[in-house]
Amino acid sequence: MTTARTTLSHRSTRRLQRGAFALVAGAGMFLTPAVAEVGTATASAAVSAAPTAASQKAVDVALSQVGKPYAWGAAGPGSYDCSGLAQYAYKAAGVALPHSSGAQSTMGTAVSKADLKPGDLVFFYSPVSHVAIYIGNGQIVHASTAGQPVKVANLNSMPSYSGARRLA
């Protein structure tokens, strides 16, 4: 009997979710998949489109992983470390990356912080030991550390920015 209630409740919830989506979609509104809580503030996804279809795909895939757990050496789809998230997102976009933030920091072309576009990889520390994906509006998505899920954060909240690269 409990199973029947749980199933019925789950079905009702799914119907409500579909109905709400249909209502919002019918009103002509666009929802991004990239709203994540950062501390007490809410951060939204890129306000501008990525420069290429591949970089937009990487941004979209990375954002769809928000909330999944951090695990050192993991490259998805259940958990990630920083370079594993970048590797997974870009693989979905048809771009092969090594599973190392240091190695990723040598790929593509260098980009200044002032010229960042969604999809650019941003690197931290010297030597490089952390990578995130820039999503626009001063925000990044990354797998930061043990105990923290994949999340959206403010680029300027990160210590020791060391550079950025554009892949696609």
Protein backbone atom coordinates (compact mmCIF):
# COMPACT_ATOMS: atom_id res chain seq x y z
CA MET A 1 0.00 0.00 0.00
CA THR A 2 2.88 2.36 0.75
CA THR A 3 4.33 1.59 -2.68
CA ALA A 4 1.04 2.51 -4.35
CA ARG A 5 0.93 5.84 -2.51
CA THR A 6 4.54 6.61 -3.33
CA THR A 7 3.99 5.79 -6.99
CA LEU A 8 0.80 7.83 -7.12
CA SER A 9 2.52 10.72 -5.35
CA HIS A 10 5.47 10.51 -7.75
CA ARG A 11 3.13 10.50 -10.73
CA SER A 12 1.23 13.49 -9.39
CA THR A 13 4.49 15.38 -8.86
CA ARG A 14 5.63 14.59 -12.42
CA ARG A 15 2.28 15.82 -13.80
CA LEU A 16 2.59 19.06 -11.83
CA GLN A 17 6.14 19.56 -13.11
CA ARG A 18 5.06 18.98 -16.73
CA GLY A 19 2.07 21.26 -16.26
CA ALA A 20 4.20 24.04 -14.79
CA PHE A 21 6.70 23.71 -17.64
CA ALA A 22 3.90 23.84 -20.20
CA LEU A 23 2.46 26.93 -18.51
CA VAL A 24 5.83 28.71 -18.49
CA ALA A 25 6.64 27.60 -22.04
CA GLY A 26 3.21 28.68 -23.22
CA ALA A 27 3.76 32.11 -21.72
CA GLY A 28 6.82 32.49 -23.93
CA MET A 29 9.30 32.43 -21.06
CA PHE A 30 12.68 30.75 -21.29
CA LEU A 31 14.10 28.86 -18.34
CA THR A 32 17.80 28.09 -18.22
CA PRO A 33 18.95 24.81 -16.72
CA ALA A 34 21.62 26.74 -14.90
CA VAL A 35 20.37 28.21 -11.71
CA ALA A 36 22.45 27.16 -8.77
CA GLU A 37 22.70 28.34 -5.22
CA VAL A 38 26.03 29.87 -4.29
CA GLY A 39 26.08 30.56 -0.58
CA THR A 40 23.04 32.69 0.07
CA ALA A 41 22.99 34.30 -3.37
CA THR A 42 21.49 32.84 -6.49
CA ALA A 43 23.66 32.78 -9.61
CA SER A 44 22.17 32.47 -13.06
CA ALA A 45 23.72 31.13 -16.23
CA ALA A 46 25.33 32.93 -19.09
CA VAL A 47 23.55 36.03 -20.30
CA SER A 48 25.29 35.84 -23.64
CA ALA A 49 25.65 32.96 -26.03
CA ALA A 50 28.92 31.11 -26.34
CA PRO A 51 30.99 31.93 -29.44
CA THR A 52 30.64 28.46 -30.98
CA ALA A 53 28.14 25.60 -30.91
CA ALA A 54 30.77 23.36 -29.29
CA SER A 55 31.48 25.78 -26.45
CA GLN A 56 27.74 26.30 -25.90
CA LYS A 57 27.23 22.54 -25.74
CA ALA A 58 30.05 22.26 -23.18
CA VAL A 59 28.46 25.00 -21.05
CA ASP A 60 25.05 23.33 -21.24
CA VAL A 61 26.42 19.89 -20.36
CA ALA A 62 28.50 21.24 -17.46
CA LEU A 63 25.50 23.11 -16.09
CA SER A 64 23.39 19.98 -16.28
CA GLN A 65 25.85 18.37 -13.84
CA VAL A 66 25.31 20.97 -11.09
CA GLY A 67 24.61 19.24 -7.79
CA LYS A 68 26.52 16.05 -8.57
CA PRO A 69 29.22 15.09 -6.06
CA TYR A 70 32.92 15.80 -6.22
CA ALA A 71 35.21 12.78 -6.36
CA TRP A 72 38.94 13.04 -7.03
CA GLY A 73 39.82 11.41 -10.36
CA ALA A 74 36.17 11.14 -11.47
CA ALA A 75 35.07 12.10 -14.96
CA GLY A 76 31.32 11.49 -14.77
CA PRO A 77 28.58 10.94 -15.24
CA GLY A 78 27.89 10.34 -11.53
CA SER A 79 30.66 12.43 -9.98
CA TYR A 80 33.52 14.68 -11.04
CA ASP A 81 36.75 16.34 -10.16
CA CYS A 82 37.51 19.70 -11.79
CA SER A 83 39.31 18.48 -14.89
CA GLY A 84 36.94 15.52 -15.21
CA LEU A 85 33.98 17.93 -15.45
CA ALA A 86 35.70 19.96 -18.18
CA GLN A 87 36.69 16.77 -19.99
CA TYR A 88 33.13 15.37 -19.79
CA ALA A 89 31.49 18.62 -20.95
CA TYR A 90 33.81 19.09 -23.91
CA LYS A 91 33.65 15.41 -24.88
CA ALA A 92 29.89 15.87 -25.32
CA ALA A 93 30.76 18.77 -27.63
CA GLY A 94 33.17 16.64 -29.68
CA VAL A 95 36.39 18.05 -28.20
CA ALA A 96 38.88 15.68 -26.54
CA LEU A 97 40.66 16.91 -23.40
CA PRO A 98 43.15 15.20 -21.10
CA HIS A 99 42.10 14.53 -17.50
CA SER A 100 44.48 17.04 -15.94
CA SER A 101 43.95 20.74 -15.26
CA GLY A 102 47.64 21.38 -15.93
CA ALA A 103 47.49 19.67 -19.32
CA GLN A 104 44.19 21.39 -20.17
CA SER A 105 45.83 24.76 -19.45
CA THR A 106 48.08 24.29 -22.50
CA MET A 107 45.28 23.60 -24.99
CA GLY A 108 43.50 26.04 -27.28
CA THR A 109 44.43 29.70 -27.32
CA ALA A 110 45.09 32.05 -24.43
CA VAL A 111 42.33 34.51 -23.56
CA SER A 112 42.57 37.53 -21.27
CA LYS A 113 40.27 37.70 -18.27
CA ALA A 114 38.61 40.77 -19.80
CA ASP A 115 37.77 38.84 -22.99
CA LEU A 116 36.25 35.69 -21.44
CA LYS A 117 33.36 34.09 -23.32
CA PRO A 118 31.07 31.26 -22.23
CA GLY A 119 32.86 27.95 -22.68
CA ASP A 120 36.35 29.25 -21.95
CA LEU A 121 38.34 27.19 -19.47
CA VAL A 122 39.65 29.23 -16.54
CA PHE A 123 42.58 28.08 -14.43
CA PHE A 124 43.74 28.70 -10.90
CA TYR A 125 46.94 28.47 -8.84
CA SER A 126 50.58 28.18 -9.86
CA PRO A 127 51.30 25.62 -10.96
CA VAL A 128 47.80 25.14 -12.36
CA SER A 129 45.81 22.72 -10.20
CA HIS A 130 42.18 23.73 -10.75
CA VAL A 131 39.98 24.36 -13.80
CA ALA A 132 36.45 25.70 -14.25
CA ILE A 133 34.25 26.52 -17.22
CA TYR A 134 33.29 30.15 -17.67
CA ILE A 135 29.53 30.49 -18.29
CA GLY A 136 29.20 34.26 -18.68
CA ASN A 137 28.08 37.09 -16.43
CA GLY A 138 31.18 36.66 -14.24
CA GLN A 139 30.18 33.09 -13.34
CA ILE A 140 31.89 29.70 -13.58
CA VAL A 141 30.75 26.13 -13.15
CA HIS A 142 33.18 23.75 -11.48
CA ALA A 143 33.77 20.73 -9.27
CA SER A 144 35.66 22.49 -6.53
CA THR A 145 36.64 20.14 -3.73
CA ALA A 146 35.69 17.12 -1.62
CA GLY A 147 32.40 17.64 0.18
CA GLN A 148 31.19 20.23 -2.32
CA PRO A 149 29.00 19.34 -5.31
CA VAL A 150 29.45 20.66 -8.83
CA LYS A 151 28.29 24.26 -8.55
CA VAL A 152 28.08 27.69 -10.10
CA ALA A 153 30.25 30.33 -8.45
CA ASN A 154 31.44 33.87 -9.04
CA LEU A 155 34.76 33.89 -10.90
CA ASN A 156 36.09 36.63 -8.65
CA SER A 157 35.36 34.56 -5.54
CA MET A 158 38.08 32.12 -6.60
CA PRO A 159 41.65 32.60 -5.38
CA SER A 160 44.77 32.65 -7.53
CA TYR A 161 43.37 33.11 -11.05
CA SER A 162 46.14 32.11 -13.43
CA GLY A 163 44.65 32.33 -16.92
CA ALA A 164 42.11 31.13 -19.46
CA ARG A 165 42.02 29.20 -22.71
CA ARG A 166 39.47 29.07 -25.54
CA LEU A 167 39.09 25.63 -27.07
CA ALA A 168 36.40 25.87 -29.71
